Amino acid sequence: MAIAEFLTAEHRCCDENFAVVEEAAQAGDTARCQREFQQFQAAMEWHFQKEEEELFPTFEQTTGNTMGPTRVMRLEHQQMREALAEMQGALGQGDLDEFLGQSETLLILMQQHNIKEEQILYPMCDRFLASNAAAVIAAMQAVSAHPPA
């Protein structure tokens, strides 16, 4: 399996989870929204950690490039973490309108980010890490999800 294929599949799963969260919020089902959002947020964080702890360092070590696409992706992960925190705050206050407003921001960030990863970074990773792809994917699968720092 290619790195791009593995991580793009994760993007699709996160997208599907996000749609369920938004559906619950739009229906006014705060309890369901909270449950689904917690699962979505955990999945997003786990995805970020796989990239930040395994993929990006391996790519940087192989290419010698630490100021290129991986730097941008880390900055965008932080922007998405901030949007997720805003959403969590709104949900904690039971403000589904604010939650949905923040979810629009997150959706835009995710869409732009995923395009860059899927069209630029992941193909670069497949090219530069091809001989090591199975090991990189295995290392990402072994990442244990933990709360963001």
C-alpha atoms as a PDB file:
ATOM      1  CA  MET A   1       0.000   0.000   0.000  1.00  0.00           C
ATOM      2  CA  ALA A   2       1.215   3.487  -0.820  1.00  0.00           C
ATOM      3  CA  ILE A   3       1.530   6.120   1.877  1.00  0.00           C
ATOM      4  CA  ALA A   4      -0.841   8.366  -0.092  1.00  0.00           C
ATOM      5  CA  GLU A   5      -3.457   5.626  -0.248  1.00  0.00           C
ATOM      6  CA  PHE A   6      -3.204   4.893   3.492  1.00  0.00           C
ATOM      7  CA  LEU A   7      -3.464   8.516   4.621  1.00  0.00           C
ATOM      8  CA  THR A   8      -6.056   9.566   2.045  1.00  0.00           C
ATOM      9  CA  ALA A   9      -8.294   6.783   3.361  1.00  0.00           C
ATOM     10  CA  GLU A  10      -7.901   8.294   6.834  1.00  0.00           C
ATOM     11  CA  HIS A  11      -8.907  11.684   5.460  1.00  0.00           C
ATOM     12  CA  ARG A  12     -12.100  10.160   4.049  1.00  0.00           C
ATOM     13  CA  CYS A  13     -12.909   8.518   7.408  1.00  0.00           C
ATOM     14  CA  CYS A  14     -12.411  11.827   9.218  1.00  0.00           C
ATOM     15  CA  ASP A  15     -14.587  13.567   6.612  1.00  0.00           C
ATOM     16  CA  GLU A  16     -17.357  11.025   7.174  1.00  0.00           C
ATOM     17  CA  ASN A  17     -17.105  11.437  10.965  1.00  0.00           C
ATOM     18  CA  PHE A  18     -17.242  15.201  10.564  1.00  0.00           C
ATOM     19  CA  ALA A  19     -20.435  14.948   8.490  1.00  0.00           C
ATOM     20  CA  VAL A  20     -22.072  12.921  11.299  1.00  0.00           C
ATOM     21  CA  VAL A  21     -21.037  15.576  13.847  1.00  0.00           C
ATOM     22  CA  GLU A  22     -22.489  18.380  11.731  1.00  0.00           C
ATOM     23  CA  GLU A  23     -25.681  16.423  11.140  1.00  0.00           C
ATOM     24  CA  ALA A  24     -26.178  15.984  14.900  1.00  0.00           C
ATOM     25  CA  ALA A  25     -25.521  19.690  15.510  1.00  0.00           C
ATOM     26  CA  GLN A  26     -27.910  20.781  12.759  1.00  0.00           C
ATOM     27  CA  ALA A  27     -30.580  18.483  14.212  1.00  0.00           C
ATOM     28  CA  GLY A  28     -30.098  20.169  17.607  1.00  0.00           C
ATOM     29  CA  ASP A  29     -29.070  16.873  19.231  1.00  0.00           C
ATOM     30  CA  THR A  30     -26.472  18.202  21.675  1.00  0.00           C
ATOM     31  CA  ALA A  31     -25.836  14.883  23.420  1.00  0.00           C
ATOM     32  CA  ARG A  32     -25.241  13.030  20.161  1.00  0.00           C
ATOM     33  CA  CYS A  33     -23.161  15.903  18.841  1.00  0.00           C
ATOM     34  CA  GLN A  34     -20.949  15.766  21.934  1.00  0.00           C
ATOM     35  CA  ARG A  35     -20.437  12.002  21.570  1.00  0.00           C
ATOM     36  CA  GLU A  36     -19.717  12.172  17.865  1.00  0.00           C
ATOM     37  CA  PHE A  37     -17.500  15.244  18.216  1.00  0.00           C
ATOM     38  CA  GLN A  38     -15.394  13.540  20.872  1.00  0.00           C
ATOM     39  CA  GLN A  39     -14.795  10.599  18.515  1.00  0.00           C
ATOM     40  CA  PHE A  40     -14.097  12.901  15.565  1.00  0.00           C
ATOM     41  CA  GLN A  41     -11.666  15.044  17.546  1.00  0.00           C
ATOM     42  CA  ALA A  42      -9.802  11.948  18.766  1.00  0.00           C
ATOM     43  CA  ALA A  43      -9.567  10.595  15.207  1.00  0.00           C
ATOM     44  CA  MET A  44      -8.222  13.911  13.917  1.00  0.00           C
ATOM     45  CA  GLU A  45      -5.637  14.117  16.669  1.00  0.00           C
ATOM     46  CA  TRP A  46      -4.537  10.542  16.061  1.00  0.00           C
ATOM     47  CA  HIS A  47      -4.142  11.294  12.345  1.00  0.00           C
ATOM     48  CA  PHE A  48      -2.094  14.409  13.124  1.00  0.00           C
ATOM     49  CA  GLN A  49       0.116  12.434  15.497  1.00  0.00           C
ATOM     50  CA  LYS A  50       0.792   9.737  12.902  1.00  0.00           C
ATOM     51  CA  GLU A  51       2.018  12.386  10.515  1.00  0.00           C
ATOM     52  CA  GLU A  52       3.893  14.509  13.054  1.00  0.00           C
ATOM     53  CA  GLU A  53       5.570  11.650  14.915  1.00  0.00           C
ATOM     54  CA  GLU A  54       6.356   9.305  12.025  1.00  0.00           C
ATOM     55  CA  LEU A  55       5.725  10.528   8.493  1.00  0.00           C
ATOM     56  CA  PHE A  56       7.061  14.081   8.694  1.00  0.00           C
ATOM     57  CA  PRO A  57      10.306  13.240  10.554  1.00  0.00           C
ATOM     58  CA  THR A  58      11.015  10.353   8.171  1.00  0.00           C
ATOM     59  CA  PHE A  59      10.351  12.562   5.143  1.00  0.00           C
ATOM     60  CA  GLU A  60      12.537  15.346   6.560  1.00  0.00           C
ATOM     61  CA  GLN A  61      15.375  12.986   7.396  1.00  0.00           C
ATOM     62  CA  THR A  62      15.258  11.408   3.932  1.00  0.00           C
ATOM     63  CA  THR A  63      15.014  14.658   1.983  1.00  0.00           C
ATOM     64  CA  GLY A  64      16.952  16.948   4.316  1.00  0.00           C
ATOM     65  CA  ASN A  65      14.085  19.437   3.972  1.00  0.00           C
ATOM     66  CA  THR A  66      12.575  20.683   7.251  1.00  0.00           C
ATOM     67  CA  MET A  67      11.355  24.054   6.006  1.00  0.00           C
ATOM     68  CA  GLY A  68       9.134  22.847   3.181  1.00  0.00           C
ATOM     69  CA  PRO A  69       5.749  21.157   3.055  1.00  0.00           C
ATOM     70  CA  THR A  70       5.989  19.437   6.440  1.00  0.00           C
ATOM     71  CA  ARG A  71       6.486  22.772   8.186  1.00  0.00           C
ATOM     72  CA  VAL A  72       3.361  24.144   6.504  1.00  0.00           C
ATOM     73  CA  MET A  73       1.385  21.012   7.399  1.00  0.00           C
ATOM     74  CA  ARG A  74       2.386  21.290  11.081  1.00  0.00           C
ATOM     75  CA  LEU A  75       1.231  24.921  11.133  1.00  0.00           C
ATOM     76  CA  GLU A  76      -2.082  23.928   9.559  1.00  0.00           C
ATOM     77  CA  HIS A  77      -2.505  21.088  12.076  1.00  0.00           C
ATOM     78  CA  GLN A  78      -2.173  23.713  14.802  1.00  0.00           C
ATOM     79  CA  GLN A  79      -4.807  25.906  13.131  1.00  0.00           C
ATOM     80  CA  MET A  80      -7.180  22.939  12.991  1.00  0.00           C
ATOM     81  CA  ARG A  81      -6.466  22.087  16.644  1.00  0.00           C
ATOM     82  CA  GLU A  82      -7.400  25.669  17.547  1.00  0.00           C
ATOM     83  CA  ALA A  83     -10.651  25.418  15.564  1.00  0.00           C
ATOM     84  CA  LEU A  84     -11.418  22.095  17.261  1.00  0.00           C
ATOM     85  CA  ALA A  85     -10.821  23.713  20.665  1.00  0.00           C
ATOM     86  CA  GLU A  86     -13.213  26.539  19.752  1.00  0.00           C
ATOM     87  CA  MET A  87     -15.803  23.982  18.693  1.00  0.00           C
ATOM     88  CA  GLN A  88     -15.313  22.066  21.926  1.00  0.00           C
ATOM     89  CA  GLY A  89     -15.778  25.260  23.926  1.00  0.00           C
ATOM     90  CA  ALA A  90     -18.974  26.150  22.087  1.00  0.00           C
ATOM     91  CA  LEU A  91     -20.294  22.633  22.552  1.00  0.00           C
ATOM     92  CA  GLY A  92     -19.432  22.738  26.253  1.00  0.00           C
ATOM     93  CA  GLN A  93     -21.608  25.825  26.558  1.00  0.00           C
ATOM     94  CA  GLY A  94     -24.389  24.171  24.570  1.00  0.00           C
ATOM     95  CA  ASP A  95     -24.094  26.798  21.816  1.00  0.00           C
ATOM     96  CA  LEU A  96     -24.776  24.788  18.672  1.00  0.00           C
ATOM     97  CA  ASP A  97     -24.956  27.917  16.494  1.00  0.00           C
ATOM     98  CA  GLU A  98     -21.423  28.901  17.484  1.00  0.00           C
ATOM     99  CA  PHE A  99     -20.349  25.284  17.135  1.00  0.00           C
ATOM    100  CA  LEU A 100     -21.687  25.177  13.564  1.00  0.00           C
ATOM    101  CA  GLY A 101     -20.024  28.497  12.764  1.00  0.00           C
ATOM    102  CA  GLN A 102     -16.701  27.141  13.952  1.00  0.00           C
ATOM    103  CA  SER A 103     -17.328  23.905  12.067  1.00  0.00           C
ATOM    104  CA  GLU A 104     -17.516  25.910   8.825  1.00  0.00           C
ATOM    105  CA  THR A 105     -14.065  27.315   9.567  1.00  0.00           C
ATOM    106  CA  LEU A 106     -12.734  23.853  10.308  1.00  0.00           C
ATOM    107  CA  LEU A 107     -14.263  22.447   7.129  1.00  0.00           C
ATOM    108  CA  ILE A 108     -12.483  25.060   5.002  1.00  0.00           C
ATOM    109  CA  LEU A 109      -9.183  24.418   6.801  1.00  0.00           C
ATOM    110  CA  MET A 110      -9.545  20.656   6.390  1.00  0.00           C
ATOM    111  CA  GLN A 111     -10.428  20.868   2.702  1.00  0.00           C
ATOM    112  CA  GLN A 112      -7.491  23.128   1.862  1.00  0.00           C
ATOM    113  CA  HIS A 113      -5.111  21.067   3.996  1.00  0.00           C
ATOM    114  CA  ASN A 114      -6.197  17.728   2.544  1.00  0.00           C
ATOM    115  CA  ILE A 115      -5.761  18.969  -1.019  1.00  0.00           C
ATOM    116  CA  LYS A 116      -2.176  20.017  -0.265  1.00  0.00           C
ATOM    117  CA  GLU A 117      -1.370  16.733   1.423  1.00  0.00           C
ATOM    118  CA  GLU A 118      -3.081  14.524  -1.145  1.00  0.00           C
ATOM    119  CA  GLN A 119      -1.825  16.356  -4.228  1.00  0.00           C
ATOM    120  CA  ILE A 120       1.621  17.481  -3.092  1.00  0.00           C
ATOM    121  CA  LEU A 121       3.005  16.010   0.126  1.00  0.00           C
ATOM    122  CA  TYR A 122       1.774  12.417  -0.047  1.00  0.00           C
ATOM    123  CA  PRO A 123       2.959  11.904  -3.643  1.00  0.00           C
ATOM    124  CA  MET A 124       6.344  13.336  -2.589  1.00  0.00           C
ATOM    125  CA  CYS A 125       6.410  10.899   0.330  1.00  0.00           C
ATOM    126  CA  ASP A 126       5.595   8.001  -1.982  1.00  0.00           C
ATOM    127  CA  ARG A 127       8.398   9.087  -4.293  1.00  0.00           C
ATOM    128  CA  PHE A 128      11.076   9.668  -1.643  1.00  0.00           C
ATOM    129  CA  LEU A 129      10.055   6.917   0.791  1.00  0.00           C
ATOM    130  CA  ALA A 130       8.981   4.247  -1.708  1.00  0.00           C
ATOM    131  CA  SER A 131      11.529   1.665  -0.567  1.00  0.00           C
ATOM    132  CA  ASN A 132      10.501   2.249   3.049  1.00  0.00           C
ATOM    133  CA  ALA A 133       6.736   2.754   2.605  1.00  0.00           C
ATOM    134  CA  ALA A 134       5.646  -0.432   4.387  1.00  0.00           C
ATOM    135  CA  ALA A 135       7.785   0.401   7.420  1.00  0.00           C
ATOM    136  CA  VAL A 136       6.514   3.999   7.511  1.00  0.00           C
ATOM    137  CA  ILE A 137       2.893   2.834   7.362  1.00  0.00           C
ATOM    138  CA  ALA A 138       3.555   0.235  10.070  1.00  0.00           C
ATOM    139  CA  ALA A 139       5.135   2.907  12.269  1.00  0.00           C
ATOM    140  CA  MET A 140       2.134   5.189  11.760  1.00  0.00           C
ATOM    141  CA  GLN A 141      -0.244   2.343  12.619  1.00  0.00           C
ATOM    142  CA  ALA A 142       1.707   1.772  15.841  1.00  0.00           C
ATOM    143  CA  VAL A 143       1.317   5.383  17.032  1.00  0.00           C
ATOM    144  CA  SER A 144      -0.753   5.413  20.204  1.00  0.00           C
ATOM    145  CA  ALA A 145      -3.236   8.246  20.344  1.00  0.00           C
ATOM    146  CA  HIS A 146      -2.601  10.627  23.201  1.00  0.00           C
ATOM    147  CA  PRO A 147      -3.979  14.050  24.074  1.00  0.00           C
ATOM    148  CA  PRO A 148      -2.375  17.028  22.315  1.00  0.00           C
ATOM    149  CA  ALA A 149       0.426  18.772  24.161  1.00  0.00           C
END
